[in-house]
PDB file of all heavy atoms in Angstrom:
ATOM      1  N   ASP A   1     -22.424 -23.464   8.169  1.00  0.00           N
ATOM      2  CA  ASP A   1     -23.396 -23.129   9.126  1.00  0.00           C
ATOM      3  C   ASP A   1     -24.512 -22.285   8.573  1.00  0.00           C
ATOM      4  O   ASP A   1     -24.406 -21.452   7.752  1.00  0.00           O
ATOM      5  CB  ASP A   1     -22.652 -22.192  10.197  1.00  0.00           C
ATOM      6  CG  ASP A   1     -21.654 -22.990  11.089  1.00  0.00           C
ATOM      7  OD1 ASP A   1     -21.945 -24.236  11.116  1.00  0.00           O
ATOM      8  OD2 ASP A   1     -20.870 -22.509  11.732  1.00  0.00           O
ATOM      9  N   GLY A   2     -25.772 -22.569   9.181  1.00  0.00           N
ATOM     10  CA  GLY A   2     -26.916 -21.703   8.760  1.00  0.00           C
ATOM     11  C   GLY A   2     -27.580 -22.074   7.465  1.00  0.00           C
ATOM     12  O   GLY A   2     -28.542 -21.306   7.028  1.00  0.00           O
ATOM     13  N   VAL A   3     -27.212 -23.094   6.802  1.00  0.00           N
ATOM     14  CA  VAL A   3     -27.837 -23.433   5.522  1.00  0.00           C
ATOM     15  C   VAL A   3     -27.656 -24.922   5.156  1.00  0.00           C
ATOM     16  O   VAL A   3     -26.603 -25.449   5.451  1.00  0.00           O
ATOM     17  CB  VAL A   3     -27.190 -22.597   4.312  1.00  0.00           C
ATOM     18  CG1 VAL A   3     -25.768 -22.829   4.088  1.00  0.00           C
ATOM     19  CG2 VAL A   3     -27.968 -22.749   3.012  1.00  0.00           C
ATOM     20  N   PHE A   4     -28.628 -25.552   4.519  1.00  0.00           N
ATOM     21  CA  PHE A   4     -28.484 -26.834   4.064  1.00  0.00           C
ATOM     22  C   PHE A   4     -28.075 -26.709   2.556  1.00  0.00           C
ATOM     23  O   PHE A   4     -27.066 -27.120   2.172  1.00  0.00           O
ATOM     24  CB  PHE A   4     -29.764 -27.658   4.151  1.00  0.00           C
ATOM     25  CG  PHE A   4     -29.760 -28.913   3.335  1.00  0.00           C
ATOM     26  CD1 PHE A   4     -28.897 -29.944   3.628  1.00  0.00           C
ATOM     27  CD2 PHE A   4     -30.628 -29.003   2.293  1.00  0.00           C
ATOM     28  CE1 PHE A   4     -28.850 -31.157   3.022  1.00  0.00           C
ATOM     29  CE2 PHE A   4     -30.658 -30.340   1.495  1.00  0.00           C
ATOM     30  CZ  PHE A   4     -29.809 -31.189   1.835  1.00  0.00           C
ATOM     31  N   CYS A   5     -28.871 -25.992   1.820  1.00  0.00           N
ATOM     32  CA  CYS A   5     -28.642 -25.758   0.419  1.00  0.00           C
ATOM     33  C   CYS A   5     -29.646 -24.644  -0.092  1.00  0.00           C
ATOM     34  O   CYS A   5     -30.893 -24.768   0.128  1.00  0.00           O
ATOM     35  CB  CYS A   5     -28.868 -27.011  -0.441  1.00  0.00           C
ATOM     36  SG  CYS A   5     -28.636 -26.837  -2.155  1.00  0.00           S
ATOM     37  N   ALA A   6     -29.096 -23.707  -0.729  1.00  0.00           N
ATOM     38  CA  ALA A   6     -29.796 -22.464  -1.178  1.00  0.00           C
ATOM     39  C   ALA A   6     -30.514 -22.695  -2.397  1.00  0.00           C
ATOM     40  O   ALA A   6     -31.145 -21.724  -2.850  1.00  0.00           O
ATOM     41  CB  ALA A   6     -28.923 -21.187  -1.038  1.00  0.00           C
ATOM     42  N   GLY A   7     -30.341 -23.862  -2.960  1.00  0.00           N
ATOM     43  CA  GLY A   7     -30.978 -24.135  -4.286  1.00  0.00           C
ATOM     44  C   GLY A   7     -30.001 -24.002  -5.377  1.00  0.00           C
ATOM     45  O   GLY A   7     -28.738 -24.058  -5.292  1.00  0.00           O
ATOM     46  N   ALA A   8     -30.502 -23.695  -6.608  1.00  0.00           N
ATOM     47  CA  ALA A   8     -29.655 -23.661  -7.789  1.00  0.00           C
ATOM     48  C   ALA A   8     -28.761 -22.443  -7.774  1.00  0.00           C
ATOM     49  O   ALA A   8     -29.165 -21.348  -7.123  1.00  0.00           O
ATOM     50  CB  ALA A   8     -30.524 -23.437  -8.971  1.00  0.00           C
ATOM     51  N   ASP A   9     -27.632 -22.436  -8.238  1.00  0.00           N
ATOM     52  CA  ASP A   9     -26.655 -21.378  -8.410  1.00  0.00           C
ATOM     53  C   ASP A   9     -27.324 -20.300  -9.426  1.00  0.00           C
ATOM     54  O   ASP A   9     -26.971 -20.450 -10.668  1.00  0.00           O
ATOM     55  CB  ASP A   9     -25.361 -21.743  -8.765  1.00  0.00           C
ATOM     56  CG  ASP A   9     -24.250 -20.602  -8.571  1.00  0.00           C
ATOM     57  OD1 ASP A   9     -24.770 -19.528  -8.721  1.00  0.00           O
ATOM     58  OD2 ASP A   9     -23.119 -20.999  -8.283  1.00  0.00           O
ATOM     59  N   LEU A  10     -28.034 -19.355  -9.008  1.00  0.00           N
ATOM     60  CA  LEU A  10     -28.687 -18.541  -9.894  1.00  0.00           C
ATOM     61  C   LEU A  10     -27.694 -17.557 -10.605  1.00  0.00           C
ATOM     62  O   LEU A  10     -27.928 -16.994 -11.696  1.00  0.00           O
ATOM     63  CB  LEU A  10     -29.769 -17.624  -9.297  1.00  0.00           C
ATOM     64  CG  LEU A  10     -30.991 -18.432  -8.737  1.00  0.00           C
ATOM     65  CD1 LEU A  10     -31.961 -17.511  -8.100  1.00  0.00           C
ATOM     66  CD2 LEU A  10     -31.540 -19.394  -9.698  1.00  0.00           C
ATOM     67  N   LYS A  11     -26.611 -17.126 -10.001  1.00  0.00           N
ATOM     68  CA  LYS A  11     -25.513 -16.409 -10.574  1.00  0.00           C
ATOM     69  C   LYS A  11     -24.891 -17.096 -11.714  1.00  0.00           C
ATOM     70  O   LYS A  11     -24.678 -16.579 -12.745  1.00  0.00           O
ATOM     71  CB  LYS A  11     -24.448 -15.933  -9.592  1.00  0.00           C
ATOM     72  CG  LYS A  11     -24.885 -15.064  -8.541  1.00  0.00           C
ATOM     73  CD  LYS A  11     -23.839 -14.591  -7.474  1.00  0.00           C
ATOM     74  CE  LYS A  11     -24.336 -13.554  -6.484  1.00  0.00           C
ATOM     75  NZ  LYS A  11     -23.225 -13.265  -5.448  1.00  0.00           N
ATOM     76  N   GLU A  12     -24.686 -18.442 -11.428  1.00  0.00           N
ATOM     77  CA  GLU A  12     -24.060 -19.222 -12.627  1.00  0.00           C
ATOM     78  C   GLU A  12     -25.010 -19.446 -13.839  1.00  0.00           C
ATOM     79  O   GLU A  12     -24.698 -19.392 -14.794  1.00  0.00           O
ATOM     80  CB  GLU A  12     -23.656 -20.569 -12.072  1.00  0.00           C
ATOM     81  CG  GLU A  12     -22.810 -21.496 -13.027  1.00  0.00           C
ATOM     82  CD  GLU A  12     -22.370 -22.754 -12.349  1.00  0.00           C
ATOM     83  OE1 GLU A  12     -21.351 -22.728 -11.665  1.00  0.00           O
ATOM     84  OE2 GLU A  12     -23.034 -23.704 -12.339  1.00  0.00           O
ATOM     85  N   ARG A  13     -26.281 -19.607 -13.365  1.00  0.00           N
ATOM     86  CA  ARG A  13     -27.275 -19.742 -14.332  1.00  0.00           C
ATOM     87  C   ARG A  13     -27.610 -18.599 -15.214  1.00  0.00           C
ATOM     88  O   ARG A  13     -27.944 -18.645 -16.368  1.00  0.00           O
ATOM     89  CB  ARG A  13     -28.631 -20.352 -13.736  1.00  0.00           C
ATOM     90  CG  ARG A  13     -29.646 -20.790 -14.726  1.00  0.00           C
ATOM     91  CD  ARG A  13     -30.813 -21.425 -14.168  1.00  0.00           C
ATOM     92  NE  ARG A  13     -30.575 -22.631 -13.373  1.00  0.00           N
ATOM     93  CZ  ARG A  13     -31.399 -23.467 -12.665  1.00  0.00           C
ATOM     94  NH1 ARG A  13     -32.613 -22.959 -12.738  1.00  0.00           N
ATOM     95  NH2 ARG A  13     -30.977 -24.459 -12.083  1.00  0.00           N
ATOM     96  N   ALA A  14     -27.362 -17.380 -14.625  1.00  0.00           N
ATOM     97  CA  ALA A  14     -27.577 -16.207 -15.363  1.00  0.00           C
ATOM     98  C   ALA A  14     -26.779 -16.039 -16.580  1.00  0.00           C
ATOM     99  O   ALA A  14     -27.141 -15.308 -17.501  1.00  0.00           O
ATOM    100  CB  ALA A  14     -27.469 -14.977 -14.476  1.00  0.00           C
ATOM    101  N   GLY A  15     -25.576 -16.691 -16.517  1.00  0.00           N
ATOM    102  CA  GLY A  15     -24.692 -16.667 -17.627  1.00  0.00           C
ATOM    103  C   GLY A  15     -24.935 -17.768 -18.656  1.00  0.00           C
ATOM    104  O   GLY A  15     -24.211 -18.018 -19.659  1.00  0.00           O
ATOM    105  N   MET A  16     -25.883 -18.546 -18.441  1.00  0.00           N
ATOM    106  CA  MET A  16     -26.308 -19.680 -19.331  1.00  0.00           C
ATOM    107  C   MET A  16     -27.259 -19.252 -20.492  1.00  0.00           C
ATOM    108  O   MET A  16     -28.326 -18.422 -20.164  1.00  0.00           O
ATOM    109  CB  MET A  16     -26.846 -20.829 -18.587  1.00  0.00           C
ATOM    110  CG  MET A  16     -25.913 -21.497 -17.607  1.00  0.00           C
ATOM    111  SD  MET A  16     -26.711 -22.974 -16.857  1.00  0.00           S
ATOM    112  CE  MET A  16     -25.478 -23.333 -15.561  1.00  0.00           C
ATOM    113  N   SER A  17     -27.224 -19.731 -21.555  1.00  0.00           N
ATOM    114  CA  SER A  17     -28.190 -19.616 -22.652  1.00  0.00           C
ATOM    115  C   SER A  17     -29.435 -20.484 -22.164  1.00  0.00           C
ATOM    116  O   SER A  17     -29.333 -21.368 -21.353  1.00  0.00           O
ATOM    117  CB  SER A  17     -27.808 -20.133 -23.970  1.00  0.00           C
ATOM    118  OG  SER A  17     -27.574 -21.452 -23.881  1.00  0.00           O
ATOM    119  N   PRO A  18     -30.675 -20.288 -22.758  1.00  0.00           N
ATOM    120  CA  PRO A  18     -31.790 -21.154 -22.368  1.00  0.00           C
ATOM    121  C   PRO A  18     -31.613 -22.512 -22.584  1.00  0.00           C
ATOM    122  O   PRO A  18     -32.130 -23.288 -21.865  1.00  0.00           O
ATOM    123  CB  PRO A  18     -32.968 -20.503 -23.338  1.00  0.00           C
ATOM    124  CG  PRO A  18     -32.628 -19.028 -23.626  1.00  0.00           C
ATOM    125  CD  PRO A  18     -31.053 -19.087 -23.630  1.00  0.00           C
ATOM    126  N   GLU A  19     -30.850 -22.832 -23.610  1.00  0.00           N
ATOM    127  CA  GLU A  19     -30.586 -24.417 -23.875  1.00  0.00           C
ATOM    128  C   GLU A  19     -29.561 -24.863 -22.770  1.00  0.00           C
ATOM    129  O   GLU A  19     -29.777 -25.957 -22.414  1.00  0.00           O
ATOM    130  CB  GLU A  19     -29.786 -24.443 -25.286  1.00  0.00           C
ATOM    131  CG  GLU A  19     -30.784 -24.083 -26.548  1.00  0.00           C
ATOM    132  CD  GLU A  19     -30.925 -22.612 -26.730  1.00  0.00           C
ATOM    133  OE1 GLU A  19     -30.196 -21.704 -26.168  1.00  0.00           O
ATOM    134  OE2 GLU A  19     -31.833 -22.179 -27.361  1.00  0.00           O
ATOM    135  N   GLU A  20     -28.636 -24.011 -22.385  1.00  0.00           N
ATOM    136  CA  GLU A  20     -27.654 -24.459 -21.472  1.00  0.00           C
ATOM    137  C   GLU A  20     -28.446 -24.617 -19.985  1.00  0.00           C
ATOM    138  O   GLU A  20     -28.233 -25.653 -19.221  1.00  0.00           O
ATOM    139  CB  GLU A  20     -26.576 -23.472 -21.160  1.00  0.00           C
ATOM    140  CG  GLU A  20     -25.592 -23.612 -22.352  1.00  0.00           C
ATOM    141  CD  GLU A  20     -24.529 -22.461 -22.382  1.00  0.00           C
ATOM    142  OE1 GLU A  20     -24.788 -21.396 -21.751  1.00  0.00           O
ATOM    143  OE2 GLU A  20     -23.447 -22.595 -22.770  1.00  0.00           O
ATOM    144  N   ALA A  21     -29.304 -23.763 -19.722  1.00  0.00           N
ATOM    145  CA  ALA A  21     -30.202 -23.773 -18.538  1.00  0.00           C
ATOM    146  C   ALA A  21     -30.974 -25.108 -18.554  1.00  0.00           C
ATOM    147  O   ALA A  21     -31.114 -25.693 -17.498  1.00  0.00           O
ATOM    148  CB  ALA A  21     -30.977 -22.520 -18.322  1.00  0.00           C
ATOM    149  N   GLU A  22     -31.620 -25.356 -19.615  1.00  0.00           N
ATOM    150  CA  GLU A  22     -32.528 -26.507 -19.638  1.00  0.00           C
ATOM    151  C   GLU A  22     -31.760 -27.760 -19.497  1.00  0.00           C
ATOM    152  O   GLU A  22     -32.129 -28.654 -18.791  1.00  0.00           O
ATOM    153  CB  GLU A  22     -33.223 -26.454 -21.088  1.00  0.00           C
ATOM    154  CG  GLU A  22     -34.200 -27.657 -21.356  1.00  0.00           C
ATOM    155  CD  GLU A  22     -34.909 -27.627 -22.545  1.00  0.00           C
ATOM    156  OE1 GLU A  22     -34.481 -26.893 -23.398  1.00  0.00           O
ATOM    157  OE2 GLU A  22     -35.699 -28.503 -22.723  1.00  0.00           O
ATOM    158  N   ALA A  23     -30.548 -27.819 -20.071  1.00  0.00           N
ATOM    159  CA  ALA A  23     -29.681 -29.076 -19.957  1.00  0.00           C
ATOM    160  C   ALA A  23     -29.293 -29.277 -18.527  1.00  0.00           C
ATOM    161  O   ALA A  23     -29.262 -30.219 -18.052  1.00  0.00           O
ATOM    162  CB  ALA A  23     -28.472 -28.908 -20.790  1.00  0.00           C
ATOM    163  N   PHE A  24     -28.935 -27.993 -17.822  1.00  0.00           N
ATOM    164  CA  PHE A  24     -28.438 -28.109 -16.507  1.00  0.00           C
ATOM    165  C   PHE A  24     -29.648 -28.778 -15.568  1.00  0.00           C
ATOM    166  O   PHE A  24     -29.398 -29.439 -14.651  1.00  0.00           O
ATOM    167  CB  PHE A  24     -27.977 -26.816 -15.980  1.00  0.00           C
ATOM    168  CG  PHE A  24     -27.293 -26.910 -14.597  1.00  0.00           C
ATOM    169  CD1 PHE A  24     -26.111 -27.343 -14.454  1.00  0.00           C
ATOM    170  CD2 PHE A  24     -28.016 -26.535 -13.509  1.00  0.00           C
ATOM    171  CE1 PHE A  24     -25.534 -27.381 -13.152  1.00  0.00           C
ATOM    172  CE2 PHE A  24     -27.483 -26.528 -12.221  1.00  0.00           C
ATOM    173  CZ  PHE A  24     -26.149 -27.022 -12.054  1.00  0.00           C
ATOM    174  N   VAL A  25     -30.782 -28.071 -15.693  1.00  0.00           N
ATOM    175  CA  VAL A  25     -31.945 -28.480 -14.816  1.00  0.00           C
ATOM    176  C   VAL A  25     -32.202 -29.938 -15.152  1.00  0.00           C
ATOM    177  O   VAL A  25     -32.501 -30.764 -14.108  1.00  0.00           O
ATOM    178  CB  VAL A  25     -33.102 -27.627 -15.173  1.00  0.00           C
ATOM    179  CG1 VAL A  25     -34.433 -28.248 -14.457  1.00  0.00           C
ATOM    180  CG2 VAL A  25     -32.970 -26.262 -14.704  1.00  0.00           C
ATOM    181  N   LYS A  26     -32.100 -30.491 -16.326  1.00  0.00           N
ATOM    182  CA  LYS A  26     -32.278 -31.872 -16.599  1.00  0.00           C
ATOM    183  C   LYS A  26     -31.223 -32.672 -15.957  1.00  0.00           C
ATOM    184  O   LYS A  26     -31.508 -33.743 -15.367  1.00  0.00           O
ATOM    185  CB  LYS A  26     -32.176 -32.144 -18.252  1.00  0.00           C
ATOM    186  CG  LYS A  26     -32.409 -33.480 -18.694  1.00  0.00           C
ATOM    187  CD  LYS A  26     -32.452 -33.675 -20.121  1.00  0.00           C
ATOM    188  CE  LYS A  26     -32.643 -35.096 -20.597  1.00  0.00           C
ATOM    189  NZ  LYS A  26     -32.717 -35.125 -22.121  1.00  0.00           N
ATOM    190  N   ARG A  27     -29.968 -32.182 -15.967  1.00  0.00           N
ATOM    191  CA  ARG A  27     -28.921 -32.898 -15.196  1.00  0.00           C
ATOM    192  C   ARG A  27     -29.108 -33.014 -13.704  1.00  0.00           C
ATOM    193  O   ARG A  27     -28.973 -34.007 -13.064  1.00  0.00           O
ATOM    194  CB  ARG A  27     -27.609 -32.244 -15.517  1.00  0.00           C
ATOM    195  CG  ARG A  27     -26.459 -32.839 -14.909  1.00  0.00           C
ATOM    196  CD  ARG A  27     -25.160 -32.115 -15.354  1.00  0.00           C
ATOM    197  NE  ARG A  27     -24.024 -32.389 -14.551  1.00  0.00           N
ATOM    198  CZ  ARG A  27     -22.865 -31.731 -14.462  1.00  0.00           C
ATOM    199  NH1 ARG A  27     -22.734 -30.684 -15.250  1.00  0.00           N
ATOM    200  NH2 ARG A  27     -21.848 -32.031 -13.647  1.00  0.00           N
ATOM    201  N   LEU A  28     -29.638 -31.780 -13.132  1.00  0.00           N
ATOM    202  CA  LEU A  28     -30.043 -31.775 -11.704  1.00  0.00           C
ATOM    203  C   LEU A  28     -31.083 -32.732 -11.476  1.00  0.00           C
ATOM    204  O   LEU A  28     -31.126 -33.400 -10.388  1.00  0.00           O
ATOM    205  CB  LEU A  28     -30.473 -30.234 -11.508  1.00  0.00           C
ATOM    206  CG  LEU A  28     -30.332 -29.823  -9.980  1.00  0.00           C
ATOM    207  CD1 LEU A  28     -28.864 -29.793  -9.493  1.00  0.00           C
ATOM    208  CD2 LEU A  28     -31.057 -28.362  -9.944  1.00  0.00           C
ATOM    209  N   ARG A  29     -32.097 -32.764 -12.287  1.00  0.00           N
ATOM    210  CA  ARG A  29     -33.282 -33.702 -12.089  1.00  0.00           C
ATOM    211  C   ARG A  29     -32.795 -35.200 -11.976  1.00  0.00           C
ATOM    212  O   ARG A  29     -33.233 -35.932 -11.191  1.00  0.00           O
ATOM    213  CB  ARG A  29     -34.219 -33.498 -13.164  1.00  0.00           C
ATOM    214  CG  ARG A  29     -35.654 -34.256 -12.893  1.00  0.00           C
ATOM    215  CD  ARG A  29     -36.573 -33.891 -14.096  1.00  0.00           C
ATOM    216  NE  ARG A  29     -36.827 -32.467 -14.288  1.00  0.00           N
ATOM    217  CZ  ARG A  29     -36.487 -31.994 -15.448  1.00  0.00           C
ATOM    218  NH1 ARG A  29     -35.947 -32.552 -16.397  1.00  0.00           N
ATOM    219  NH2 ARG A  29     -36.791 -30.614 -15.469  1.00  0.00           N
ATOM    220  N   ALA A  30     -31.872 -35.486 -12.943  1.00  0.00           N
ATOM    221  CA  ALA A  30     -31.257 -36.859 -13.066  1.00  0.00           C
ATOM    222  C   ALA A  30     -30.539 -37.210 -11.779  1.00  0.00           C
ATOM    223  O   ALA A  30     -30.675 -38.211 -11.232  1.00  0.00           O
ATOM    224  CB  ALA A  30     -30.553 -37.001 -14.228  1.00  0.00           C
ATOM    225  N   ALA A  31     -29.798 -36.239 -11.258  1.00  0.00           N
ATOM    226  CA  ALA A  31     -28.859 -36.475 -10.063  1.00  0.00           C
ATOM    227  C   ALA A  31     -29.811 -36.647  -8.892  1.00  0.00           C
ATOM    228  O   ALA A  31     -29.577 -37.496  -8.016  1.00  0.00           O
ATOM    229  CB  ALA A  31     -28.097 -35.270  -9.864  1.00  0.00           C
ATOM    230  N   PHE A  32     -30.983 -35.899  -8.711  1.00  0.00           N
ATOM    231  CA  PHE A  32     -31.782 -36.219  -7.562  1.00  0.00           C
ATOM    232  C   PHE A  32     -32.583 -37.396  -7.703  1.00  0.00           C
ATOM    233  O   PHE A  32     -32.862 -38.022  -6.695  1.00  0.00           O
ATOM    234  CB  PHE A  32     -32.767 -34.945  -7.496  1.00  0.00           C
ATOM    235  CG  PHE A  32     -32.258 -33.620  -7.099  1.00  0.00           C
ATOM    236  CD1 PHE A  32     -30.809 -33.530  -6.785  1.00  0.00           C
ATOM    237  CD2 PHE A  32     -32.927 -32.501  -7.040  1.00  0.00           C
ATOM    238  CE1 PHE A  32     -30.280 -32.315  -6.540  1.00  0.00           C
ATOM    239  CE2 PHE A  32     -32.369 -31.236  -6.664  1.00  0.00           C
ATOM    240  CZ  PHE A  32     -31.091 -31.165  -6.547  1.00  0.00           C
ATOM    241  N   THR A  33     -32.887 -37.900  -8.989  1.00  0.00           N
ATOM    242  CA  THR A  33     -33.479 -39.178  -9.041  1.00  0.00           C
ATOM    243  C   THR A  33     -32.431 -40.279  -8.671  1.00  0.00           C
ATOM    244  O   THR A  33     -32.800 -41.281  -8.125  1.00  0.00           O
ATOM    245  CB  THR A  33     -33.832 -39.363 -10.602  1.00  0.00           C
ATOM    246  OG1 THR A  33     -34.941 -38.330 -10.889  1.00  0.00           O
ATOM    247  CG2 THR A  33     -34.439 -40.870 -10.788  1.00  0.00           C
ATOM    248  N   ALA A  34     -31.128 -39.969  -8.965  1.00  0.00           N
ATOM    249  CA  ALA A  34     -30.169 -40.859  -8.529  1.00  0.00           C
ATOM    250  C   ALA A  34     -29.953 -41.042  -7.022  1.00  0.00           C
ATOM    251  O   ALA A  34     -29.795 -42.197  -6.596  1.00  0.00           O
ATOM    252  CB  ALA A  34     -28.806 -40.574  -9.161  1.00  0.00           C
ATOM    253  N   VAL A  35     -30.204 -39.858  -6.361  1.00  0.00           N
ATOM    254  CA  VAL A  35     -30.327 -39.924  -4.944  1.00  0.00           C
ATOM    255  C   VAL A  35     -31.432 -40.820  -4.468  1.00  0.00           C
ATOM    256  O   VAL A  35     -31.141 -41.754  -3.543  1.00  0.00           O
ATOM    257  CB  VAL A  35     -30.524 -38.531  -4.315  1.00  0.00           C
ATOM    258  CG1 VAL A  35     -30.753 -38.666  -2.751  1.00  0.00           C
ATOM    259  CG2 VAL A  35     -29.292 -37.676  -4.585  1.00  0.00           C
ATOM    260  N   GLU A  36     -32.595 -40.617  -5.033  1.00  0.00           N
ATOM    261  CA  GLU A  36     -33.770 -41.354  -4.636  1.00  0.00           C
ATOM    262  C   GLU A  36     -33.579 -42.833  -4.899  1.00  0.00           C
ATOM    263  O   GLU A  36     -34.058 -43.735  -4.217  1.00  0.00           O
ATOM    264  CB  GLU A  36     -35.090 -40.789  -5.539  1.00  0.00           C
ATOM    265  CG  GLU A  36     -36.281 -41.527  -5.264  1.00  0.00           C
ATOM    266  CD  GLU A  36     -37.328 -40.781  -6.050  1.00  0.00           C
ATOM    267  OE1 GLU A  36     -37.241 -40.628  -7.201  1.00  0.00           O
ATOM    268  OE2 GLU A  36     -38.456 -40.261  -5.348  1.00  0.00           O
ATOM    269  N   ARG A  37     -32.942 -43.120  -5.998  1.00  0.00           N
ATOM    270  CA  ARG A  37     -32.687 -44.638  -6.298  1.00  0.00           C
ATOM    271  C   ARG A  37     -31.477 -45.268  -5.749  1.00  0.00           C
ATOM    272  O   ARG A  37     -31.267 -46.447  -6.002  1.00  0.00           O
ATOM    273  CB  ARG A  37     -32.627 -44.622  -7.931  1.00  0.00           C
ATOM    274  CG  ARG A  37     -33.949 -44.471  -8.530  1.00  0.00           C
ATOM    275  CD  ARG A  37     -33.997 -44.512  -9.999  1.00  0.00           C
ATOM    276  NE  ARG A  37     -35.158 -44.027 -10.627  1.00  0.00           N
ATOM    277  CZ  ARG A  37     -35.317 -44.051 -11.955  1.00  0.00           C
ATOM    278  NH1 ARG A  37     -34.301 -44.085 -12.812  1.00  0.00           N
ATOM    279  NH2 ARG A  37     -36.524 -43.701 -12.412  1.00  0.00           N
ATOM    280  N   LEU A  38     -30.776 -44.603  -4.786  1.00  0.00           N
ATOM    281  CA  LEU A  38     -29.770 -45.334  -4.068  1.00  0.00           C
ATOM    282  C   LEU A  38     -30.448 -46.488  -3.423  1.00  0.00           C
ATOM    283  O   LEU A  38     -31.562 -46.283  -2.826  1.00  0.00           O
ATOM    284  CB  LEU A  38     -29.003 -44.412  -3.085  1.00  0.00           C
ATOM    285  CG  LEU A  38     -27.902 -43.396  -3.680  1.00  0.00           C
ATOM    286  CD1 LEU A  38     -27.451 -42.545  -2.567  1.00  0.00           C
ATOM    287  CD2 LEU A  38     -26.882 -44.299  -4.415  1.00  0.00           C
ATOM    288  N   PRO A  39     -29.801 -47.670  -3.381  1.00  0.00           N
ATOM    289  CA  PRO A  39     -30.585 -48.831  -2.774  1.00  0.00           C
ATOM    290  C   PRO A  39     -30.626 -48.752  -1.266  1.00  0.00           C
ATOM    291  O   PRO A  39     -31.503 -49.459  -0.671  1.00  0.00           O
ATOM    292  CB  PRO A  39     -29.740 -50.011  -3.234  1.00  0.00           C
ATOM    293  CG  PRO A  39     -28.293 -49.522  -3.537  1.00  0.00           C
ATOM    294  CD  PRO A  39     -28.527 -48.029  -4.045  1.00  0.00           C
ATOM    295  N   MET A  40     -29.760 -48.110  -0.543  1.00  0.00           N
ATOM    296  CA  MET A  40     -29.755 -48.016   0.875  1.00  0.00           C
ATOM    297  C   MET A  40     -30.492 -46.825   1.264  1.00  0.00           C
ATOM    298  O   MET A  40     -30.807 -45.951   0.592  1.00  0.00           O
ATOM    299  CB  MET A  40     -28.301 -48.046   1.356  1.00  0.00           C
ATOM    300  CG  MET A  40     -27.564 -46.665   1.139  1.00  0.00           C
ATOM    301  SD  MET A  40     -27.160 -46.385  -0.626  1.00  0.00           S
ATOM    302  CE  MET A  40     -25.871 -47.650  -0.863  1.00  0.00           C
ATOM    303  N   PRO A  41     -31.011 -46.793   2.585  1.00  0.00           N
ATOM    304  CA  PRO A  41     -31.702 -45.675   3.206  1.00  0.00           C
ATOM    305  C   PRO A  41     -30.783 -44.337   3.083  1.00  0.00           C
ATOM    306  O   PRO A  41     -29.613 -44.519   3.378  1.00  0.00           O
ATOM    307  CB  PRO A  41     -32.007 -46.045   4.623  1.00  0.00           C
ATOM    308  CG  PRO A  41     -32.057 -47.611   4.572  1.00  0.00           C
ATOM    309  CD  PRO A  41     -31.012 -47.851   3.640  1.00  0.00           C
TER     310      PRO A  41
END
């Protein structure tokens, strides 16, 4: 209730190194592209 998605988990990301954070954002970007590329509406 009251939320769709608050965005990235900043608490989790705070414990990541810059390299880990970059890799996670890249993975997030790829997942959203996979949403976009689903063949159905």
